[in-house]
Amino acid sequence: MSSAIELIVASFTRLKDWQSLENLRTHRRHLAVDLKARTGFDYRSSIAQVEQDLAAIEAGLHPL
C-alpha cells in the first residue's frame, strides 16, 4: 500500500508541479530540523518518517 506522501508526490509529479514539490520538501526539511532539536521525548520514529517522506519527494523531483 502506498503511503499518503507517495500519493501526493505522484500527483504533483503527474501534474509536473515542481514548485509544490519544492514547497513540500522545504516544509519536511524544516520539520526534520525542528524534531532533531527537541529533547525530553524520543522522536526517532517521527524523524525516520520525515526522512522517508523526504526520500519520496526527492524521487518525485528527480524526473522533473
Protein backbone atom coordinates (compact mmCIF):
# COMPACT_ATOMS: atom_id res chain seq x y z
CA MET A 1 0.00 0.00 0.00
CA SER A 2 1.27 3.46 -0.85
CA SER A 3 1.79 5.99 1.87
CA ALA A 4 -0.05 9.31 1.76
CA ILE A 5 3.11 11.25 0.88
CA GLU A 6 3.82 8.89 -2.04
CA LEU A 7 0.33 9.52 -3.41
CA ILE A 8 0.76 13.28 -3.02
CA VAL A 9 4.17 13.20 -4.70
CA ALA A 10 2.80 11.04 -7.53
CA SER A 11 0.01 13.56 -8.11
CA PHE A 12 2.37 16.55 -8.15
CA THR A 13 4.75 14.67 -10.45
CA ARG A 14 1.95 13.72 -12.83
CA LEU A 15 0.90 17.41 -12.93
CA LYS A 16 4.57 18.46 -13.32
CA ASP A 17 4.06 20.78 -10.35
CA TRP A 18 7.69 21.05 -9.24
CA GLN A 19 7.01 24.17 -7.15
CA SER A 20 4.59 22.31 -4.89
CA LEU A 21 7.12 19.50 -4.52
CA GLU A 22 9.80 22.05 -3.62
CA ASN A 23 7.48 23.60 -1.03
CA LEU A 24 6.70 20.17 0.40
CA ARG A 25 10.41 19.32 0.58
CA THR A 26 11.21 22.62 2.32
CA HIS A 27 8.47 22.02 4.85
CA ARG A 28 9.68 18.49 5.60
CA ARG A 29 13.28 19.72 5.96
CA HIS A 30 12.20 22.35 8.50
CA LEU A 31 10.18 19.72 10.33
CA ALA A 32 13.19 17.39 10.49
CA VAL A 33 15.42 20.14 11.88
CA ASP A 34 12.80 21.03 14.48
CA LEU A 35 12.34 17.42 15.58
CA LYS A 36 16.08 16.83 15.83
CA ALA A 37 16.45 19.91 18.05
CA ARG A 38 13.82 18.76 20.56
CA THR A 39 14.64 16.97 23.79
CA GLY A 40 12.68 15.22 26.51
CA PHE A 41 10.97 12.68 24.28
CA ASP A 42 12.08 10.01 21.81
CA TYR A 43 11.41 11.48 18.36
CA ARG A 44 13.39 8.86 16.42
CA SER A 45 10.35 7.28 14.76
CA SER A 46 8.98 10.68 13.73
CA ILE A 47 12.36 11.72 12.35
CA ALA A 48 12.61 8.45 10.43
CA GLN A 49 9.17 9.03 8.91
CA VAL A 50 10.06 12.58 7.86
CA GLU A 51 13.28 11.28 6.28
CA GLN A 52 11.29 8.66 4.36
CA ASP A 53 8.96 11.43 3.20
CA LEU A 54 11.97 13.44 2.04
CA ALA A 55 13.27 10.46 0.08
CA ALA A 56 9.90 10.07 -1.67
CA ILE A 57 9.81 13.79 -2.50
CA GLU A 58 13.37 13.67 -3.86
CA ALA A 59 12.40 10.70 -6.03
CA GLY A 60 9.46 12.70 -7.38
CA LEU A 61 11.60 15.74 -8.12
CA HIS A 62 14.25 13.76 -9.95
CA PRO A 63 12.30 13.24 -13.21
CA LEU A 64 11.12 16.85 -13.27
